[in-house]
Amino acid sequence: MIKYNLIFVIFISALLSACVQPSPRHDAEFGDATRATLKAQIINPEAGNNPDTVTGLDGQAARDAMYNYQKSFTNPKSEPNAMTIGVGDGGSN
């Protein structure tokens, strides 16, 4: 009998806990930190309203820069040996 009373009390407690209203403060502030972080990462929020064209590299220079950047990974420059630093530079006599 005690076993059934304990199960009944747990069941009623679980059932009544679903009726508790959530805190309105938490609901009103939900996502504020995420929105503030996102807003802090934007340099110029009005950039989309600016009709001026973007100045910078022309298309050919941008293409060549990108090509050279990608090529640097396929043909990396060799690193000099750390043990030969300063050897043979002819600096001290």
PDB file of N, CA and C in Angstrom:
ATOM      1  N   MET A   1       0.813  -1.200   0.000  1.00  0.00           N
ATOM      2  CA  MET A   1       0.000   0.000   0.000  1.00  0.00           C
ATOM      3  C   MET A   1       0.857   1.264   0.000  1.00  0.00           C
ATOM      4  N   ILE A   2       1.936   1.239   0.754  1.00  0.00           N
ATOM      5  CA  ILE A   2       2.827   2.401   0.808  1.00  0.00           C
ATOM      6  C   ILE A   2       3.467   2.624  -0.568  1.00  0.00           C
ATOM      7  N   LYS A   3       3.755   1.532  -1.256  1.00  0.00           N
ATOM      8  CA  LYS A   3       4.353   1.621  -2.572  1.00  0.00           C
ATOM      9  C   LYS A   3       3.424   2.359  -3.537  1.00  0.00           C
ATOM     10  N   TYR A   4       2.142   2.030  -3.485  1.00  0.00           N
ATOM     11  CA  TYR A   4       1.171   2.683  -4.370  1.00  0.00           C
ATOM     12  C   TYR A   4       0.966   4.142  -3.995  1.00  0.00           C
ATOM     13  N   ASN A   5       0.994   4.455  -2.709  1.00  0.00           N
ATOM     14  CA  ASN A   5       0.867   5.852  -2.277  1.00  0.00           C
ATOM     15  C   ASN A   5       2.049   6.680  -2.764  1.00  0.00           C
ATOM     16  N   LEU A   6       3.242   6.098  -2.698  1.00  0.00           N
ATOM     17  CA  LEU A   6       4.433   6.815  -3.151  1.00  0.00           C
ATOM     18  C   LEU A   6       4.362   7.057  -4.662  1.00  0.00           C
ATOM     19  N   ILE A   7       3.956   6.065  -5.405  1.00  0.00           N
ATOM     20  CA  ILE A   7       3.817   6.220  -6.862  1.00  0.00           C
ATOM     21  C   ILE A   7       2.749   7.258  -7.172  1.00  0.00           C
ATOM     22  N   PHE A   8       1.637   7.250  -6.429  1.00  0.00           N
ATOM     23  CA  PHE A   8       0.572   8.224  -6.640  1.00  0.00           C
ATOM     24  C   PHE A   8       1.070   9.644  -6.359  1.00  0.00           C
ATOM     25  N   VAL A   9       1.836   9.841  -5.299  1.00  0.00           N
ATOM     26  CA  VAL A   9       2.354  11.167  -4.947  1.00  0.00           C
ATOM     27  C   VAL A   9       3.326  11.649  -6.028  1.00  0.00           C
ATOM     28  N   ILE A  10       4.191  10.770  -6.499  1.00  0.00           N
ATOM     29  CA  ILE A  10       5.136  11.154  -7.554  1.00  0.00           C
ATOM     30  C   ILE A  10       4.390  11.515  -8.835  1.00  0.00           C
ATOM     31  N   PHE A  11       3.371  10.732  -9.177  1.00  0.00           N
ATOM     32  CA  PHE A  11       2.593  10.992 -10.380  1.00  0.00           C
ATOM     33  C   PHE A  11       1.865  12.332 -10.289  1.00  0.00           C
ATOM     34  N   ILE A  12       1.235  12.595  -9.153  1.00  0.00           N
ATOM     35  CA  ILE A  12       0.512  13.865  -8.961  1.00  0.00           C
ATOM     36  C   ILE A  12       1.494  15.041  -8.979  1.00  0.00           C
ATOM     37  N   SER A  13       2.667  14.876  -8.375  1.00  0.00           N
ATOM     38  CA  SER A  13       3.671  15.952  -8.379  1.00  0.00           C
ATOM     39  C   SER A  13       4.126  16.266  -9.799  1.00  0.00           C
ATOM     40  N   ALA A  14       4.372  15.221 -10.570  1.00  0.00           N
ATOM     41  CA  ALA A  14       4.785  15.429 -11.956  1.00  0.00           C
ATOM     42  C   ALA A  14       3.674  16.073 -12.760  1.00  0.00           C
ATOM     43  N   LEU A  15       2.444  15.662 -12.519  1.00  0.00           N
ATOM     44  CA  LEU A  15       1.312  16.216 -13.239  1.00  0.00           C
ATOM     45  C   LEU A  15       1.102  17.684 -12.892  1.00  0.00           C
ATOM     46  N   LEU A  16       1.221  18.030 -11.641  1.00  0.00           N
ATOM     47  CA  LEU A  16       1.020  19.423 -11.221  1.00  0.00           C
ATOM     48  C   LEU A  16       2.189  20.326 -11.613  1.00  0.00           C
ATOM     49  N   SER A  17       3.377  19.748 -11.748  1.00  0.00           N
ATOM     50  CA  SER A  17       4.517  20.583 -12.139  1.00  0.00           C
ATOM     51  C   SER A  17       4.358  21.108 -13.561  1.00  0.00           C
ATOM     52  N   ALA A  18       3.582  20.447 -14.385  1.00  0.00           N
ATOM     53  CA  ALA A  18       3.343  20.913 -15.743  1.00  0.00           C
ATOM     54  C   ALA A  18       2.440  22.139 -15.761  1.00  0.00           C
ATOM     55  N   CYS A  19       1.750  22.406 -14.661  1.00  0.00           N
ATOM     56  CA  CYS A  19       0.844  23.546 -14.594  1.00  0.00           C
ATOM     57  C   CYS A  19       1.538  24.832 -14.140  1.00  0.00           C
ATOM     58  N   VAL A  20       2.799  24.759 -13.780  1.00  0.00           N
ATOM     59  CA  VAL A  20       3.518  25.926 -13.282  1.00  0.00           C
ATOM     60  C   VAL A  20       3.812  26.864 -14.450  1.00  0.00           C
ATOM     61  N   GLN A  21       3.529  28.136 -14.247  1.00  0.00           N
ATOM     62  CA  GLN A  21       3.793  29.136 -15.287  1.00  0.00           C
ATOM     63  C   GLN A  21       5.285  29.452 -15.334  1.00  0.00           C
ATOM     64  N   PRO A  22       5.884  29.520 -16.520  1.00  0.00           N
ATOM     65  CA  PRO A  22       7.290  29.905 -16.602  1.00  0.00           C
ATOM     66  C   PRO A  22       7.457  31.372 -16.241  1.00  0.00           C
ATOM     67  N   SER A  23       8.657  31.724 -15.862  1.00  0.00           N
ATOM     68  CA  SER A  23       8.934  33.097 -15.453  1.00  0.00           C
ATOM     69  C   SER A  23       8.799  34.030 -16.651  1.00  0.00           C
ATOM     70  N   PRO A  24       7.990  35.071 -16.555  1.00  0.00           N
ATOM     71  CA  PRO A  24       7.848  35.995 -17.692  1.00  0.00           C
ATOM     72  C   PRO A  24       9.136  36.764 -17.969  1.00  0.00           C
ATOM     73  N   ARG A  25       9.969  36.954 -16.941  1.00  0.00           N
ATOM     74  CA  ARG A  25      11.235  37.663 -17.143  1.00  0.00           C
ATOM     75  C   ARG A  25      12.151  36.869 -18.064  1.00  0.00           C
ATOM     76  N   HIS A  26      12.236  35.569 -17.844  1.00  0.00           N
ATOM     77  CA  HIS A  26      13.092  34.734 -18.691  1.00  0.00           C
ATOM     78  C   HIS A  26      12.553  34.677 -20.119  1.00  0.00           C
ATOM     79  N   ASP A  27      11.263  34.614 -20.261  1.00  0.00           N
ATOM     80  CA  ASP A  27      10.688  34.582 -21.597  1.00  0.00           C
ATOM     81  C   ASP A  27      10.921  35.889 -22.344  1.00  0.00           C
ATOM     82  N   ALA A  28      10.849  37.004 -21.629  1.00  0.00           N
ATOM     83  CA  ALA A  28      11.034  38.304 -22.281  1.00  0.00           C
ATOM     84  C   ALA A  28      12.479  38.524 -22.695  1.00  0.00           C
ATOM     85  N   GLU A  29      13.443  37.935 -21.969  1.00  0.00           N
ATOM     86  CA  GLU A  29      14.859  38.143 -22.256  1.00  0.00           C
ATOM     87  C   GLU A  29      15.477  36.993 -23.043  1.00  0.00           C
ATOM     88  N   PHE A  30      14.670  36.047 -23.480  1.00  0.00           N
ATOM     89  CA  PHE A  30      15.206  34.881 -24.177  1.00  0.00           C
ATOM     90  C   PHE A  30      15.856  35.294 -25.489  1.00  0.00           C
ATOM     91  N   GLY A  31      17.128  34.968 -25.667  1.00  0.00           N
ATOM     92  CA  GLY A  31      17.852  35.264 -26.891  1.00  0.00           C
ATOM     93  C   GLY A  31      18.523  36.625 -26.919  1.00  0.00           C
ATOM     94  N   ASP A  32      18.402  37.421 -25.862  1.00  0.00           N
ATOM     95  CA  ASP A  32      19.014  38.753 -25.859  1.00  0.00           C
ATOM     96  C   ASP A  32      20.534  38.678 -25.973  1.00  0.00           C
ATOM     97  N   ALA A  33      21.154  37.739 -25.278  1.00  0.00           N
ATOM     98  CA  ALA A  33      22.611  37.618 -25.321  1.00  0.00           C
ATOM     99  C   ALA A  33      23.080  37.256 -26.726  1.00  0.00           C
ATOM    100  N   THR A  34      22.362  36.376 -27.389  1.00  0.00           N
ATOM    101  CA  THR A  34      22.731  35.987 -28.750  1.00  0.00           C
ATOM    102  C   THR A  34      22.581  37.160 -29.704  1.00  0.00           C
ATOM    103  N   ARG A  35      21.485  37.888 -29.581  1.00  0.00           N
ATOM    104  CA  ARG A  35      21.290  39.047 -30.453  1.00  0.00           C
ATOM    105  C   ARG A  35      22.329  40.132 -30.192  1.00  0.00           C
ATOM    106  N   ALA A  36      22.713  40.340 -28.935  1.00  0.00           N
ATOM    107  CA  ALA A  36      23.729  41.347 -28.605  1.00  0.00           C
ATOM    108  C   ALA A  36      25.089  40.941 -29.162  1.00  0.00           C
ATOM    109  N   THR A  37      25.424  39.670 -29.082  1.00  0.00           N
ATOM    110  CA  THR A  37      26.696  39.195 -29.631  1.00  0.00           C
ATOM    111  C   THR A  37      26.721  39.341 -31.141  1.00  0.00           C
ATOM    112  N   LEU A  38      25.636  39.013 -31.792  1.00  0.00           N
ATOM    113  CA  LEU A  38      25.551  39.144 -33.241  1.00  0.00           C
ATOM    114  C   LEU A  38      25.681  40.607 -33.662  1.00  0.00           C
ATOM    115  N   LYS A  39      25.033  41.495 -32.924  1.00  0.00           N
ATOM    116  CA  LYS A  39      25.082  42.925 -33.234  1.00  0.00           C
ATOM    117  C   LYS A  39      26.485  43.479 -33.039  1.00  0.00           C
ATOM    118  N   ALA A  40      27.219  42.956 -32.032  1.00  0.00           N
ATOM    119  CA  ALA A  40      28.575  43.436 -31.767  1.00  0.00           C
ATOM    120  C   ALA A  40      29.555  43.020 -32.848  1.00  0.00           C
ATOM    121  N   GLN A  41      29.242  42.006 -33.630  1.00  0.00           N
ATOM    122  CA  GLN A  41      30.137  41.529 -34.674  1.00  0.00           C
ATOM    123  C   GLN A  41      29.974  42.290 -35.981  1.00  0.00           C
ATOM    124  N   ILE A  42      28.986  43.128 -36.094  1.00  0.00           N
ATOM    125  CA  ILE A  42      28.740  43.878 -37.322  1.00  0.00           C
ATOM    126  C   ILE A  42      29.439  45.232 -37.222  1.00  0.00           C
ATOM    127  N   ILE A  43      30.320  45.515 -38.173  1.00  0.00           N
ATOM    128  CA  ILE A  43      31.068  46.777 -38.136  1.00  0.00           C
ATOM    129  C   ILE A  43      30.169  47.949 -38.498  1.00  0.00           C
ATOM    130  N   ASN A  44      29.436  47.813 -39.586  1.00  0.00           N
ATOM    131  CA  ASN A  44      28.579  48.899 -40.050  1.00  0.00           C
ATOM    132  C   ASN A  44      27.185  48.342 -40.317  1.00  0.00           C
ATOM    133  N   PRO A  45      26.259  48.526 -39.379  1.00  0.00           N
ATOM    134  CA  PRO A  45      24.927  47.967 -39.576  1.00  0.00           C
ATOM    135  C   PRO A  45      24.158  48.597 -40.737  1.00  0.00           C
ATOM    136  N   GLU A  46      24.543  49.775 -41.166  1.00  0.00           N
ATOM    137  CA  GLU A  46      23.846  50.472 -42.245  1.00  0.00           C
ATOM    138  C   GLU A  46      24.503  50.235 -43.601  1.00  0.00           C
ATOM    139  N   ALA A  47      25.408  49.277 -43.703  1.00  0.00           N
ATOM    140  CA  ALA A  47      26.136  49.044 -44.955  1.00  0.00           C
ATOM    141  C   ALA A  47      25.202  48.631 -46.086  1.00  0.00           C
ATOM    142  N   GLY A  48      24.140  47.944 -45.799  1.00  0.00           N
ATOM    143  CA  GLY A  48      23.212  47.521 -46.840  1.00  0.00           C
ATOM    144  C   GLY A  48      22.429  48.670 -47.453  1.00  0.00           C
ATOM    145  N   ASN A  49      22.343  49.780 -46.744  1.00  0.00           N
ATOM    146  CA  ASN A  49      21.608  50.938 -47.252  1.00  0.00           C
ATOM    147  C   ASN A  49      22.481  51.869 -48.085  1.00  0.00           C
ATOM    148  N   ASN A  50      23.774  51.594 -48.198  1.00  0.00           N
ATOM    149  CA  ASN A  50      24.707  52.441 -48.931  1.00  0.00           C
ATOM    150  C   ASN A  50      24.704  52.035 -50.404  1.00  0.00           C
ATOM    151  N   PRO A  51      24.265  52.916 -51.323  1.00  0.00           N
ATOM    152  CA  PRO A  51      24.198  52.549 -52.747  1.00  0.00           C
ATOM    153  C   PRO A  51      25.535  52.676 -53.476  1.00  0.00           C
ATOM    154  N   ASP A  52      26.575  53.234 -52.822  1.00  0.00           N
ATOM    155  CA  ASP A  52      27.867  53.408 -53.486  1.00  0.00           C
ATOM    156  C   ASP A  52      28.497  52.045 -53.782  1.00  0.00           C
ATOM    157  N   THR A  53      29.253  52.009 -54.873  1.00  0.00           N
ATOM    158  CA  THR A  53      29.936  50.769 -55.217  1.00  0.00           C
ATOM    159  C   THR A  53      31.137  50.572 -54.303  1.00  0.00           C
ATOM    160  N   VAL A  54      31.529  49.338 -54.138  1.00  0.00           N
ATOM    161  CA  VAL A  54      32.654  49.006 -53.286  1.00  0.00           C
ATOM    162  C   VAL A  54      33.936  49.261 -54.054  1.00  0.00           C
ATOM    163  N   THR A  55      34.882  49.959 -53.431  1.00  0.00           N
ATOM    164  CA  THR A  55      36.163  50.210 -54.075  1.00  0.00           C
ATOM    165  C   THR A  55      37.175  49.213 -53.539  1.00  0.00           C
ATOM    166  N   GLY A  56      38.150  48.911 -54.351  1.00  0.00           N
ATOM    167  CA  GLY A  56      39.172  47.950 -53.942  1.00  0.00           C
ATOM    168  C   GLY A  56      39.855  47.393 -55.166  1.00  0.00           C
ATOM    169  N   LEU A  57      40.092  46.116 -55.174  1.00  0.00           N
ATOM    170  CA  LEU A  57      40.768  45.478 -56.298  1.00  0.00           C
ATOM    171  C   LEU A  57      39.842  45.353 -57.494  1.00  0.00           C
ATOM    172  N   ASP A  58      40.442  45.460 -58.672  1.00  0.00           N
ATOM    173  CA  ASP A  58      39.657  45.162 -59.858  1.00  0.00           C
ATOM    174  C   ASP A  58      39.580  43.644 -60.010  1.00  0.00           C
ATOM    175  N   GLY A  59      38.779  43.180 -60.920  1.00  0.00           N
ATOM    176  CA  GLY A  59      38.530  41.755 -61.054  1.00  0.00           C
ATOM    177  C   GLY A  59      39.765  40.945 -61.371  1.00  0.00           C
ATOM    178  N   GLN A  60      40.608  41.431 -62.269  1.00  0.00           N
ATOM    179  CA  GLN A  60      41.797  40.674 -62.667  1.00  0.00           C
ATOM    180  C   GLN A  60      42.796  40.581 -61.511  1.00  0.00           C
ATOM    181  N   ALA A  61      42.999  41.677 -60.792  1.00  0.00           N
ATOM    182  CA  ALA A  61      43.929  41.651 -59.663  1.00  0.00           C
ATOM    183  C   ALA A  61      43.421  40.731 -58.562  1.00  0.00           C
ATOM    184  N   ALA A  62      42.124  40.738 -58.319  1.00  0.00           N
ATOM    185  CA  ALA A  62      41.552  39.857 -57.300  1.00  0.00           C
ATOM    186  C   ALA A  62      41.694  38.399 -57.712  1.00  0.00           C
ATOM    187  N   ARG A  63      41.465  38.114 -59.002  1.00  0.00           N
ATOM    188  CA  ARG A  63      41.620  36.746 -59.492  1.00  0.00           C
ATOM    189  C   ARG A  63      43.059  36.277 -59.345  1.00  0.00           C
ATOM    190  N   ASP A  64      44.020  37.135 -59.721  1.00  0.00           N
ATOM    191  CA  ASP A  64      45.429  36.768 -59.618  1.00  0.00           C
ATOM    192  C   ASP A  64      45.858  36.575 -58.169  1.00  0.00           C
ATOM    193  N   ALA A  65      45.364  37.420 -57.277  1.00  0.00           N
ATOM    194  CA  ALA A  65      45.695  37.268 -55.856  1.00  0.00           C
ATOM    195  C   ALA A  65      45.159  35.949 -55.315  1.00  0.00           C
ATOM    196  N   MET A  66      43.954  35.595 -55.709  1.00  0.00           N
ATOM    197  CA  MET A  66      43.373  34.336 -55.264  1.00  0.00           C
ATOM    198  C   MET A  66      44.121  33.145 -55.848  1.00  0.00           C
ATOM    199  N   TYR A  67      44.513  33.253 -57.110  1.00  0.00           N
ATOM    200  CA  TYR A  67      45.268  32.182 -57.747  1.00  0.00           C
ATOM    201  C   TYR A  67      46.613  31.980 -57.040  1.00  0.00           C
ATOM    202  N   ASN A  68      47.316  33.082 -56.752  1.00  0.00           N
ATOM    203  CA  ASN A  68      48.608  32.982 -56.063  1.00  0.00           C
ATOM    204  C   ASN A  68      48.446  32.418 -54.662  1.00  0.00           C
ATOM    205  N   TYR A  69      47.378  32.786 -53.996  1.00  0.00           N
ATOM    206  CA  TYR A  69      47.113  32.260 -52.648  1.00  0.00           C
ATOM    207  C   TYR A  69      46.895  30.753 -52.701  1.00  0.00           C
ATOM    208  N   GLN A  70      46.083  30.296 -53.632  1.00  0.00           N
ATOM    209  CA  GLN A  70      45.821  28.860 -53.733  1.00  0.00           C
ATOM    210  C   GLN A  70      47.052  28.102 -54.194  1.00  0.00           C
ATOM    211  N   LYS A  71      47.844  28.703 -55.074  1.00  0.00           N
ATOM    212  CA  LYS A  71      49.059  28.061 -55.564  1.00  0.00           C
ATOM    213  C   LYS A  71      50.104  27.924 -54.457  1.00  0.00           C
ATOM    214  N   SER A  72      50.069  28.824 -53.471  1.00  0.00           N
ATOM    215  CA  SER A  72      51.046  28.754 -52.384  1.00  0.00           C
ATOM    216  C   SER A  72      50.870  27.496 -51.540  1.00  0.00           C
ATOM    217  N   PHE A  73      49.698  26.890 -51.568  1.00  0.00           N
ATOM    218  CA  PHE A  73      49.482  25.659 -50.820  1.00  0.00           C
ATOM    219  C   PHE A  73      49.907  24.429 -51.618  1.00  0.00           C
ATOM    220  N   THR A  74      49.869  24.501 -52.932  1.00  0.00           N
ATOM    221  CA  THR A  74      50.276  23.353 -53.733  1.00  0.00           C
ATOM    222  C   THR A  74      51.785  23.318 -53.926  1.00  0.00           C
ATOM    223  N   ASN A  75      52.424  24.477 -53.974  1.00  0.00           N
ATOM    224  CA  ASN A  75      53.878  24.563 -54.124  1.00  0.00           C
ATOM    225  C   ASN A  75      54.442  25.428 -53.003  1.00  0.00           C
ATOM    226  N   PRO A  76      54.484  24.927 -51.757  1.00  0.00           N
ATOM    227  CA  PRO A  76      54.969  25.766 -50.656  1.00  0.00           C
ATOM    228  C   PRO A  76      56.468  26.011 -50.766  1.00  0.00           C
ATOM    229  N   LYS A  77      56.895  27.165 -50.310  1.00  0.00           N
ATOM    230  CA  LYS A  77      58.315  27.484 -50.303  1.00  0.00           C
ATOM    231  C   LYS A  77      58.987  26.642 -49.229  1.00  0.00           C
ATOM    232  N   SER A  78      60.212  26.197 -49.515  1.00  0.00           N
ATOM    233  CA  SER A  78      60.918  25.371 -48.533  1.00  0.00           C
ATOM    234  C   SER A  78      61.432  26.247 -47.396  1.00  0.00           C
ATOM    235  N   GLU A  79      61.327  25.728 -46.208  1.00  0.00           N
ATOM    236  CA  GLU A  79      61.805  26.432 -45.022  1.00  0.00           C
ATOM    237  C   GLU A  79      63.304  26.207 -44.896  1.00  0.00           C
ATOM    238  N   PRO A  80      64.076  27.245 -44.568  1.00  0.00           N
ATOM    239  CA  PRO A  80      65.512  27.030 -44.374  1.00  0.00           C
ATOM    240  C   PRO A  80      65.753  26.207 -43.114  1.00  0.00           C
ATOM    241  N   ASN A  81      66.866  25.501 -43.103  1.00  0.00           N
ATOM    242  CA  ASN A  81      67.222  24.693 -41.952  1.00  0.00           C
ATOM    243  C   ASN A  81      67.549  25.614 -40.782  1.00  0.00           C
ATOM    244  N   ALA A  82      67.049  25.332 -39.618  1.00  0.00           N
ATOM    245  CA  ALA A  82      67.258  26.182 -38.445  1.00  0.00           C
ATOM    246  C   ALA A  82      68.706  26.184 -38.000  1.00  0.00           C
ATOM    247  N   MET A  83      69.467  25.147 -38.345  1.00  0.00           N
ATOM    248  CA  MET A  83      70.856  25.055 -37.912  1.00  0.00           C
ATOM    249  C   MET A  83      71.788  25.904 -38.758  1.00  0.00           C
ATOM    250  N   THR A  84      71.336  26.428 -39.891  1.00  0.00           N
ATOM    251  CA  THR A  84      72.213  27.203 -40.766  1.00  0.00           C
ATOM    252  C   THR A  84      71.981  28.694 -40.670  1.00  0.00           C
ATOM    253  N   ILE A  85      71.300  29.143 -39.649  1.00  0.00           N
ATOM    254  CA  ILE A  85      71.030  30.567 -39.508  1.00  0.00           C
ATOM    255  C   ILE A  85      72.340  31.302 -39.229  1.00  0.00           C
ATOM    256  N   GLY A  86      72.646  32.274 -40.026  1.00  0.00           N
ATOM    257  CA  GLY A  86      73.842  33.100 -39.835  1.00  0.00           C
ATOM    258  C   GLY A  86      75.110  32.487 -40.387  1.00  0.00           C
ATOM    259  N   VAL A  87      75.066  31.309 -40.934  1.00  0.00           N
ATOM    260  CA  VAL A  87      76.272  30.679 -41.476  1.00  0.00           C
ATOM    261  C   VAL A  87      76.471  31.144 -42.918  1.00  0.00           C
ATOM    262  N   GLY A  88      77.644  31.642 -43.186  1.00  0.00           N
ATOM    263  CA  GLY A  88      77.988  32.028 -44.552  1.00  0.00           C
ATOM    264  C   GLY A  88      77.454  33.373 -44.983  1.00  0.00           C
ATOM    265  N   ASP A  89      77.042  34.231 -44.045  1.00  0.00           N
ATOM    266  CA  ASP A  89      76.521  35.527 -44.469  1.00  0.00           C
ATOM    267  C   ASP A  89      77.641  36.537 -44.652  1.00  0.00           C
ATOM    268  N   GLY A  90      78.843  36.196 -44.191  1.00  0.00           N
ATOM    269  CA  GLY A  90      80.001  37.087 -44.407  1.00  0.00           C
ATOM    270  C   GLY A  90      79.908  38.375 -43.651  1.00  0.00           C
ATOM    271  N   GLY A  91      79.225  38.395 -42.540  1.00  0.00           N
ATOM    272  CA  GLY A  91      78.998  39.639 -41.811  1.00  0.00           C
ATOM    273  C   GLY A  91      80.096  40.026 -40.854  1.00  0.00           C
ATOM    274  N   SER A  92      80.810  39.091 -40.223  1.00  0.00           N
ATOM    275  CA  SER A  92      81.790  39.451 -39.199  1.00  0.00           C
ATOM    276  C   SER A  92      83.195  39.112 -39.645  1.00  0.00           C
ATOM    277  N   ASN A  93      84.140  40.094 -39.594  1.00  0.00           N
ATOM    278  CA  ASN A  93      85.547  39.877 -39.918  1.00  0.00           C
ATOM    279  C   ASN A  93      86.382  40.534 -38.883  1.00  0.00           C
TER     280      ASN A  93
END
